[in-house]
């Protein structure tokens, strides 16, 4: 017993040092690039540079017609959506100093996807093309086996938001309409497993966004009444909703990372988890957002990129950096 106490006392300072090192944001910083897409280009910045005010990208790709981008940690690929195709780039050769474009794998889309967006699943990529009322599924590994999702019974155009909702080994089609939030098989609207819940209260604006919170196993959607933005959450067979942001019911979006946290942004922003921050910066409008695995929030506001440390509550503004262009989509790409 005496030896055990002596060991505890001896380890005390080391234990305290260890606990100190494990609090706060990522220490040491996680090597990563932030891919910022918009205005027919993708710029890659060191995440650590953005936190320190650096404005020089390590690489810039010319991407005429770019609509959206997304990154898969599991497959180490960066996906770019264009009006007529999806491209996938291997990122295993990326470093903190370089993002070589290389030769992508490519899948042609049989519909115009102008104004479209990408959503990641476990093994599938969803390209939703609201302008034509169609959505397509591709393998994350190599963009093969293109299939068209069956949207029978869902509103056309911007009347629906889609996401891929993992359940077991399946990627189900999650959907948010002005009346309901639910999921069903991607190719069989009447199949199982499926679940649909009516929205309460019913929104009068939107839907704005739908994302899968993989950490909590739930679907999160955004829409608005005449007076407020509402966050709808479907977990298990229970649907809940609550007001988020301030008193400005404007279009809003979600940025989620199972490690870093979850944020809703638009007219201002609000951290949802790991700890609710309440509305922040209610008079600023944000066009793109990213929660990194490093515990930082990246928000595009015009041509500036704001970086917040998510560990404190409310989050701490670390830096606002002028980028010189308007990003419309952001992705966090860990590198060696």
Protein backbone atom coordinates (compact mmCIF):
# COMPACT_ATOMS: atom_id res chain seq x y z
CA UNK A 1 0.00 0.00 0.00
CA UNK A 2 2.86 2.34 0.91
CA UNK A 3 4.54 1.69 -2.46
CA UNK A 4 1.25 2.41 -4.26
CA UNK A 5 0.91 5.78 -2.53
CA UNK A 6 4.53 6.65 -3.31
CA UNK A 7 3.92 5.84 -6.98
CA UNK A 8 0.78 8.01 -7.01
CA UNK A 9 2.64 10.95 -5.48
CA UNK A 10 5.53 10.49 -7.92
CA UNK A 11 3.20 10.44 -10.91
CA UNK A 12 1.13 13.38 -9.70
CA UNK A 13 3.02 16.14 -11.56
CA UNK A 14 3.24 13.99 -14.70
CA UNK A 15 -0.48 13.24 -14.54
CA UNK A 16 -1.30 16.91 -14.13
CA UNK A 17 0.93 17.77 -17.08
CA UNK A 18 -0.77 15.07 -19.19
CA UNK A 19 -4.26 16.32 -18.33
CA UNK A 20 -3.23 19.89 -19.12
CA UNK A 21 -1.89 18.80 -22.50
CA UNK A 22 -5.18 17.02 -23.28
CA UNK A 23 -7.35 20.09 -22.69
CA UNK A 24 -7.94 22.91 -25.09
CA UNK A 25 -7.64 22.60 -28.85
CA UNK A 26 -5.47 20.13 -30.68
CA UNK A 27 -1.97 20.00 -29.17
CA UNK A 28 0.25 19.58 -31.07
CA UNK A 29 -1.66 20.96 -34.07
CA UNK A 30 -3.12 18.33 -36.37
CA UNK A 31 -1.36 18.61 -39.77
CA UNK A 32 -4.12 19.43 -42.22
CA UNK A 33 -5.15 21.51 -45.21
CA UNK A 34 -8.38 23.44 -45.55
CA UNK A 35 -9.76 23.18 -49.09
CA UNK A 36 -11.77 26.27 -50.00
CA UNK A 37 -13.87 26.01 -53.17
CA UNK A 38 -15.55 28.85 -55.03
CA UNK A 39 -15.33 31.13 -58.06
CA UNK A 40 -14.09 28.31 -60.35
CA UNK A 41 -11.15 27.37 -58.15
CA UNK A 42 -10.06 25.39 -55.10
CA UNK A 43 -7.42 26.87 -52.82
CA UNK A 44 -5.61 24.80 -50.22
CA UNK A 45 -4.43 26.46 -47.01
CA UNK A 46 -2.55 25.03 -44.06
CA UNK A 47 -5.03 24.92 -41.20
CA UNK A 48 -2.32 26.15 -38.85
CA UNK A 49 -1.64 29.12 -41.15
CA UNK A 50 -5.31 30.14 -41.11
CA UNK A 51 -5.25 29.99 -37.32
CA UNK A 52 -2.25 32.31 -37.38
CA UNK A 53 -3.44 34.70 -40.10
CA UNK A 54 -1.55 33.27 -43.08
CA UNK A 55 -3.18 34.07 -46.42
CA UNK A 56 -1.00 32.22 -48.95
CA UNK A 57 -2.39 28.90 -50.24
CA UNK A 58 -0.01 25.98 -50.73
CA UNK A 59 -1.83 25.14 -53.98
CA UNK A 60 -4.58 26.49 -56.24
CA UNK A 61 -6.55 24.35 -58.68
CA UNK A 62 -8.48 25.78 -61.62
CA UNK A 63 -11.96 24.20 -61.48
CA UNK A 64 -14.33 25.98 -63.90
CA UNK A 65 -17.96 25.26 -63.05
CA UNK A 66 -17.27 23.91 -59.55
CA UNK A 67 -20.52 23.48 -57.57
CA UNK A 68 -19.45 21.76 -54.35
CA UNK A 69 -16.70 19.70 -52.74
CA UNK A 70 -16.49 17.06 -50.01
CA UNK A 71 -13.72 15.02 -48.38
CA UNK A 72 -13.83 11.40 -47.16
CA UNK A 73 -11.45 10.52 -44.34
CA UNK A 74 -12.18 6.81 -44.79
CA UNK A 75 -11.22 6.78 -48.48
CA UNK A 76 -8.75 9.71 -48.43
CA UNK A 77 -10.36 11.29 -51.45
CA UNK A 78 -11.53 14.80 -52.31
CA UNK A 79 -14.69 14.91 -54.42
CA UNK A 80 -15.59 17.82 -56.71
CA UNK A 81 -19.04 18.33 -58.21
CA UNK A 82 -19.52 20.02 -61.59
CA UNK A 83 -22.72 20.52 -63.62
CA UNK A 84 -21.99 17.44 -65.76
CA UNK A 85 -19.71 15.22 -63.65
CA UNK A 86 -18.11 14.25 -60.35
CA UNK A 87 -14.34 14.01 -59.96
CA UNK A 88 -12.44 12.18 -57.18
CA UNK A 89 -8.84 13.02 -56.27
CA UNK A 90 -6.55 10.81 -54.20
CA UNK A 91 -5.12 12.87 -51.33
CA UNK A 92 -2.57 10.36 -50.03
CA UNK A 93 0.17 12.43 -51.67
CA UNK A 94 -0.89 15.67 -49.98
CA UNK A 95 1.48 17.24 -47.46
CA UNK A 96 1.42 20.42 -45.39
CA UNK A 97 3.27 22.08 -48.28
CA UNK A 98 1.62 20.61 -51.37
CA UNK A 99 -1.69 19.47 -52.81
CA UNK A 100 -0.88 17.92 -56.21
CA UNK A 101 -3.96 17.74 -58.40
CA UNK A 102 -3.08 14.52 -60.18
CA UNK A 103 -5.46 12.67 -62.47
CA UNK A 104 -8.93 12.15 -61.03
CA UNK A 105 -11.35 9.30 -61.41
CA UNK A 106 -14.47 10.66 -63.07
CA UNK A 107 -18.16 9.89 -63.41
CA UNK A 108 -20.39 11.67 -65.92
CA UNK A 109 -23.83 12.69 -64.65
CA UNK A 110 -26.89 12.13 -66.86
CA UNK A 111 -28.52 15.40 -65.73
CA UNK A 112 -27.57 19.03 -65.21
CA UNK A 113 -26.30 19.43 -61.63
CA UNK A 114 -25.92 23.21 -61.61
CA UNK A 115 -26.68 24.36 -58.08
CA UNK A 116 -26.20 20.83 -56.78
CA UNK A 117 -24.40 19.53 -53.71
CA UNK A 118 -22.62 16.42 -52.41
CA UNK A 119 -23.37 14.28 -49.37
CA UNK A 120 -21.13 11.50 -48.05
CA UNK A 121 -22.35 8.12 -46.82
CA UNK A 122 -20.45 5.10 -45.51
CA UNK A 123 -19.62 3.74 -48.94
CA UNK A 124 -21.63 5.93 -51.27
CA UNK A 125 -21.56 9.51 -52.49
CA UNK A 126 -24.83 11.32 -53.21
CA UNK A 127 -24.95 14.05 -55.84
CA UNK A 128 -28.26 15.92 -55.48
CA UNK A 129 -29.28 18.04 -58.48
CA UNK A 130 -32.32 20.09 -57.35
CA UNK A 131 -32.70 22.01 -60.62
CA UNK A 132 -33.60 18.79 -62.44
CA UNK A 133 -35.18 17.02 -59.46
CA UNK A 134 -32.73 14.11 -59.62
CA UNK A 135 -30.05 12.57 -57.41
CA UNK A 136 -27.27 10.07 -58.16
CA UNK A 137 -25.32 7.54 -56.12
CA UNK A 138 -21.69 6.63 -56.73
CA UNK A 139 -19.17 4.40 -54.98
CA UNK A 140 -16.83 6.44 -52.76
CA UNK A 141 -13.96 4.11 -53.62
CA UNK A 142 -13.83 4.84 -57.35
CA UNK A 143 -17.08 6.57 -58.46
CA UNK A 144 -18.22 3.38 -60.18
CA UNK A 145 -21.71 1.84 -60.38
CA UNK A 146 -23.67 5.06 -60.84
CA UNK A 147 -27.31 4.64 -59.81
CA UNK A 148 -30.18 7.11 -59.70
CA UNK A 149 -31.93 7.54 -56.36
CA UNK A 150 -35.70 7.10 -56.52
CA UNK A 151 -37.23 10.40 -55.38
CA UNK A 152 -40.85 9.34 -55.96
CA UNK A 153 -43.19 11.17 -53.61
CA UNK A 154 -40.68 13.88 -52.64
CA UNK A 155 -41.13 17.53 -53.63
CA UNK A 156 -39.22 18.72 -56.70
CA UNK A 157 -36.43 21.26 -56.81
CA UNK A 158 -35.51 23.06 -53.62
CA UNK A 159 -38.55 21.63 -51.82
CA UNK A 160 -36.42 18.78 -50.50
CA UNK A 161 -32.98 18.34 -48.94
CA UNK A 162 -31.26 14.95 -49.07
CA UNK A 163 -28.52 13.15 -47.16
CA UNK A 164 -27.21 9.61 -46.80
CA UNK A 165 -28.15 8.12 -43.43
CA UNK A 166 -26.13 5.07 -42.33
CA UNK A 167 -27.99 2.26 -40.63
CA UNK A 168 -25.98 -0.91 -40.17
CA UNK A 169 -24.20 -1.49 -43.46
CA UNK A 170 -26.82 0.43 -45.46
CA UNK A 171 -26.75 3.99 -46.75
CA UNK A 172 -30.39 5.09 -46.58
CA UNK A 173 -31.85 8.17 -48.25
CA UNK A 174 -32.55 10.80 -45.62
CA UNK A 175 -34.94 13.58 -46.66
CA UNK A 176 -36.32 16.84 -45.29
CA UNK A 177 -39.41 18.44 -46.85
CA UNK A 178 -41.63 21.30 -45.65
CA UNK A 179 -43.83 18.65 -44.01
CA UNK A 180 -41.62 15.78 -42.83
CA UNK A 181 -38.20 14.42 -41.90
CA UNK A 182 -37.46 10.78 -42.61
CA UNK A 183 -35.42 8.12 -44.36
CA UNK A 184 -35.98 5.16 -46.70
CA UNK A 185 -34.02 2.90 -49.09
CA UNK A 186 -32.33 4.87 -51.86
CA UNK A 187 -33.84 2.81 -54.70
CA UNK A 188 -37.13 1.67 -53.17
CA UNK A 189 -39.41 4.37 -51.68
CA UNK A 190 -41.79 1.75 -50.26
CA UNK A 191 -39.05 -0.48 -48.86
CA UNK A 192 -37.64 -0.95 -45.37
CA UNK A 193 -36.08 0.19 -43.15
CA UNK A 194 -37.95 3.46 -43.35
CA UNK A 195 -39.35 6.09 -41.02
CA UNK A 196 -41.11 9.42 -41.52
CA UNK A 197 -42.10 11.99 -38.90
CA UNK A 198 -44.21 15.14 -39.45
CA UNK A 199 -42.49 18.39 -38.59
CA UNK A 200 -43.66 20.31 -35.55
CA UNK A 201 -43.93 23.22 -35.86
CA UNK A 202 -44.43 23.26 -39.62
CA UNK A 203 -41.93 25.60 -41.28
CA UNK A 204 -42.91 28.28 -43.75
CA UNK A 205 -39.38 28.70 -45.17
CA UNK A 206 -36.95 26.11 -46.44
CA UNK A 207 -35.93 23.35 -46.05
CA UNK A 208 -32.42 24.80 -45.88
CA UNK A 209 -30.12 21.88 -45.08
CA UNK A 210 -30.00 18.23 -44.00
CA UNK A 211 -26.95 16.47 -42.55
CA UNK A 212 -26.17 13.19 -40.82
CA UNK A 213 -24.73 13.45 -37.33
CA UNK A 214 -22.79 10.18 -37.32
CA UNK A 215 -21.53 10.63 -33.79
CA UNK A 216 -25.08 10.62 -32.37
CA UNK A 217 -26.72 8.51 -35.09
CA UNK A 218 -29.28 11.14 -36.02
CA UNK A 219 -30.50 13.26 -38.91
CA UNK A 220 -30.35 17.03 -38.40
CA UNK A 221 -32.37 19.39 -40.61
CA UNK A 222 -32.91 23.13 -40.79
CA UNK A 223 -35.98 25.12 -41.83
CA UNK A 224 -37.70 28.25 -40.55
CA UNK A 225 -41.05 29.55 -39.41
CA UNK A 226 -41.98 33.19 -40.00
CA UNK A 227 -40.12 34.16 -36.83
CA UNK A 228 -37.24 31.72 -36.25
CA UNK A 229 -34.87 29.09 -37.63
CA UNK A 230 -35.68 25.59 -36.33
CA UNK A 231 -33.34 22.63 -35.90
CA UNK A 232 -35.15 19.31 -36.40
CA UNK A 233 -33.46 16.18 -35.03
CA UNK A 234 -34.54 12.60 -35.78
CA UNK A 235 -32.91 10.06 -33.46
CA UNK A 236 -34.32 6.56 -33.22
CA UNK A 237 -38.05 7.06 -33.70
CA UNK A 238 -38.17 10.41 -31.88
CA UNK A 239 -38.30 13.77 -33.66
CA UNK A 240 -37.50 16.92 -31.70
CA UNK A 241 -37.13 20.56 -32.74
CA UNK A 242 -35.86 23.76 -31.23
CA UNK A 243 -35.05 27.34 -32.12
CA UNK A 244 -31.48 28.09 -33.13
CA UNK A 245 -29.57 31.25 -34.07
CA UNK A 246 -31.20 34.58 -33.28
CA UNK A 247 -34.39 36.32 -34.36
CA UNK A 248 -33.50 36.38 -38.05
CA UNK A 249 -35.15 33.49 -39.97
CA UNK A 250 -32.68 33.41 -42.85
CA UNK A 251 -31.27 30.47 -44.88
CA UNK A 252 -28.91 28.47 -42.70
CA UNK A 253 -26.60 25.46 -42.89
CA UNK A 254 -24.93 22.82 -40.76
CA UNK A 255 -21.25 21.99 -40.29
CA UNK A 256 -20.64 18.72 -38.44
CA UNK A 257 -17.68 16.62 -37.43
CA UNK A 258 -18.04 13.68 -35.00
CA UNK A 259 -14.76 14.64 -33.32
CA UNK A 260 -14.72 18.42 -33.61
CA UNK A 261 -18.37 19.29 -32.95
CA UNK A 262 -21.48 20.64 -34.67
CA UNK A 263 -22.44 24.18 -35.70
CA UNK A 264 -25.37 25.86 -37.41
CA UNK A 265 -24.50 29.02 -39.37
CA UNK A 266 -26.13 31.58 -41.63
CA UNK A 267 -27.21 34.84 -40.03
CA UNK A 268 -24.68 34.41 -37.23
CA UNK A 269 -23.71 31.00 -35.92
CA UNK A 270 -24.34 28.72 -32.95
CA UNK A 271 -22.34 25.78 -31.63
CA UNK A 272 -24.68 22.83 -31.05
CA UNK A 273 -22.25 20.35 -29.52
CA UNK A 274 -20.15 19.42 -27.62
CA UNK A 275 -21.59 22.42 -25.70
CA UNK A 276 -24.29 24.83 -26.88
CA UNK A 277 -22.90 28.34 -27.23
CA UNK A 278 -26.15 30.18 -27.90
CA UNK A 279 -26.34 32.59 -30.88
CA UNK A 280 -23.07 34.28 -31.87
CA UNK A 281 -22.34 37.18 -34.26
CA UNK A 282 -26.05 37.68 -35.14
CA UNK A 283 -25.36 40.58 -37.53
CA UNK A 284 -22.87 38.70 -39.72
CA UNK A 285 -23.80 36.48 -42.69
CA UNK A 286 -21.78 33.31 -43.30
CA UNK A 287 -21.76 31.52 -46.68
CA UNK A 288 -19.67 28.43 -45.88
CA UNK A 289 -18.65 26.61 -42.73
CA UNK A 290 -16.43 23.77 -41.58
CA UNK A 291 -15.80 22.07 -38.25
CA UNK A 292 -12.35 20.52 -38.32
CA UNK A 293 -11.08 17.49 -36.46
CA UNK A 294 -8.66 19.93 -34.84
CA UNK A 295 -11.43 21.51 -32.75
CA UNK A 296 -11.57 24.73 -34.79
CA UNK A 297 -14.50 26.27 -36.64
CA UNK A 298 -13.83 27.84 -40.05
CA UNK A 299 -16.48 30.29 -41.34
CA UNK A 300 -16.48 32.20 -44.63
CA UNK A 301 -17.91 35.68 -44.32
CA UNK A 302 -17.60 37.44 -47.67
CA UNK A 303 -13.95 37.25 -48.68
CA UNK A 304 -12.78 36.73 -45.10
CA UNK A 305 -12.31 33.43 -43.29
CA UNK A 306 -12.92 33.52 -39.55
CA UNK A 307 -11.37 30.85 -37.32
CA UNK A 308 -12.82 30.06 -33.88
CA UNK A 309 -11.53 27.79 -31.14
CA UNK A 310 -14.47 25.58 -30.16
CA UNK A 311 -13.10 24.52 -26.78
CA UNK A 312 -14.11 27.67 -24.85
CA UNK A 313 -17.79 28.56 -24.45
CA UNK A 314 -18.62 30.84 -26.14
CA UNK A 315 -16.11 29.99 -28.89
CA UNK A 316 -13.05 32.21 -29.13
CA UNK A 317 -12.27 34.13 -32.33
CA UNK A 318 -8.66 33.24 -33.13
CA UNK A 319 -8.21 35.02 -36.46
CA UNK A 320 -10.05 36.67 -39.34
CA UNK A 321 -8.08 36.29 -42.56
CA UNK A 322 -8.77 38.06 -45.89
CA UNK A 323 -8.65 35.41 -48.63
CA UNK A 324 -9.34 37.60 -51.63
CA UNK A 325 -12.14 35.40 -52.97
CA UNK A 326 -15.52 34.06 -51.82
CA UNK A 327 -15.48 30.40 -50.76
CA UNK A 328 -18.81 28.61 -51.05
CA UNK A 329 -17.64 25.21 -49.76
CA UNK A 330 -14.93 24.07 -47.33
CA UNK A 331 -13.32 20.71 -46.50
CA UNK A 332 -10.79 19.60 -43.90
CA UNK A 333 -8.04 17.35 -45.29
CA UNK A 334 -5.61 15.77 -42.78
CA UNK A 335 -2.11 15.25 -44.19
CA UNK A 336 1.10 13.50 -43.22
